Protein backbone atom coordinates (compact mmCIF):
# COMPACT_ATOMS: atom_id res chain seq x y z
CA UNK A 1 93.61 154.37 45.93
CA UNK A 2 93.12 150.81 44.67
CA UNK A 3 94.45 149.73 41.06
CA UNK A 4 92.70 147.27 39.82
CA UNK A 5 94.73 144.53 37.60
CA UNK A 6 92.35 142.28 35.49
CA UNK A 7 91.77 138.81 36.44
CA UNK A 8 93.25 137.05 33.85
CA UNK A 9 96.11 138.76 34.00
CA UNK A 10 96.54 138.60 37.72
CA UNK A 11 96.06 134.70 37.36
CA UNK A 12 99.24 134.42 35.47
CA UNK A 13 101.32 136.89 36.66
CA UNK A 14 104.60 135.10 38.46
CA UNK A 15 107.69 136.52 40.35
CA UNK A 16 110.41 136.72 37.44
CA UNK A 17 112.89 136.15 40.04
CA UNK A 18 111.85 133.05 41.45
CA UNK A 19 108.74 132.24 39.58
CA UNK A 20 106.34 131.83 42.68
CA UNK A 21 102.69 133.39 42.75
CA UNK A 22 102.35 137.23 43.50
CA UNK A 23 100.03 138.41 46.43
CA UNK A 24 98.46 141.84 46.85
CA UNK A 25 100.13 143.98 48.85
CA UNK A 26 100.69 147.66 49.72
CA UNK A 27 103.85 149.58 50.48
CA UNK A 28 103.98 151.58 53.97
CA UNK A 29 102.95 154.65 51.72
CA UNK A 30 99.38 152.53 51.31
CA UNK A 31 100.37 152.41 47.47
CA UNK A 32 99.47 148.89 45.62
CA UNK A 33 102.21 146.35 45.23
CA UNK A 34 102.54 142.64 44.38
CA UNK A 35 104.72 140.45 46.63
CA UNK A 36 106.38 137.57 46.06
CA UNK A 37 104.66 134.67 48.26
CA UNK A 38 107.96 132.40 48.40
CA UNK A 39 108.29 131.21 51.63
CA UNK A 40 111.05 128.62 51.10
CA UNK A 41 114.41 128.63 53.10
CA UNK A 42 115.81 130.67 50.12
CA UNK A 43 112.69 132.85 50.07
CA UNK A 44 112.66 135.48 47.44
CA UNK A 45 110.11 137.85 48.96
CA UNK A 46 110.59 140.94 46.19
CA UNK A 47 107.67 143.55 46.32
CA UNK A 48 107.04 145.02 42.59
CA UNK A 49 105.14 148.52 42.53
CA UNK A 50 101.81 148.81 40.49
CA UNK A 51 102.24 152.15 38.39
CA UNK A 52 98.64 153.15 36.86
CA UNK A 53 97.33 149.43 36.84
CA UNK A 54 100.37 148.26 35.48
CA UNK A 55 102.75 145.77 37.32
CA UNK A 56 106.37 146.91 37.24
CA UNK A 57 107.90 143.22 37.34
CA UNK A 58 111.75 144.64 37.18
CA UNK A 59 113.92 142.44 39.51
CA UNK A 60 116.24 145.51 39.76
CA UNK A 61 113.49 148.02 40.66
CA UNK A 62 111.42 145.44 43.39
CA UNK A 63 111.52 146.17 46.76
CA UNK A 64 113.89 144.05 48.76
CA UNK A 65 112.22 142.00 51.86
CA UNK A 66 112.57 143.44 55.47
């Protein structure tokens, strides 16, 4: 199931935890998510789910990196 986020919105979205860019990703179940691209020593790496085409950018609900 591909969920499309409008290109103008996709361009301005940032991780609410560290303000890094977000990349498209998928969960192990194949659902879409946005993943923080922070790769510094203090990497964030949080993954945010997308529900009905709307990213849920809540830090408390983000999936932690593995």
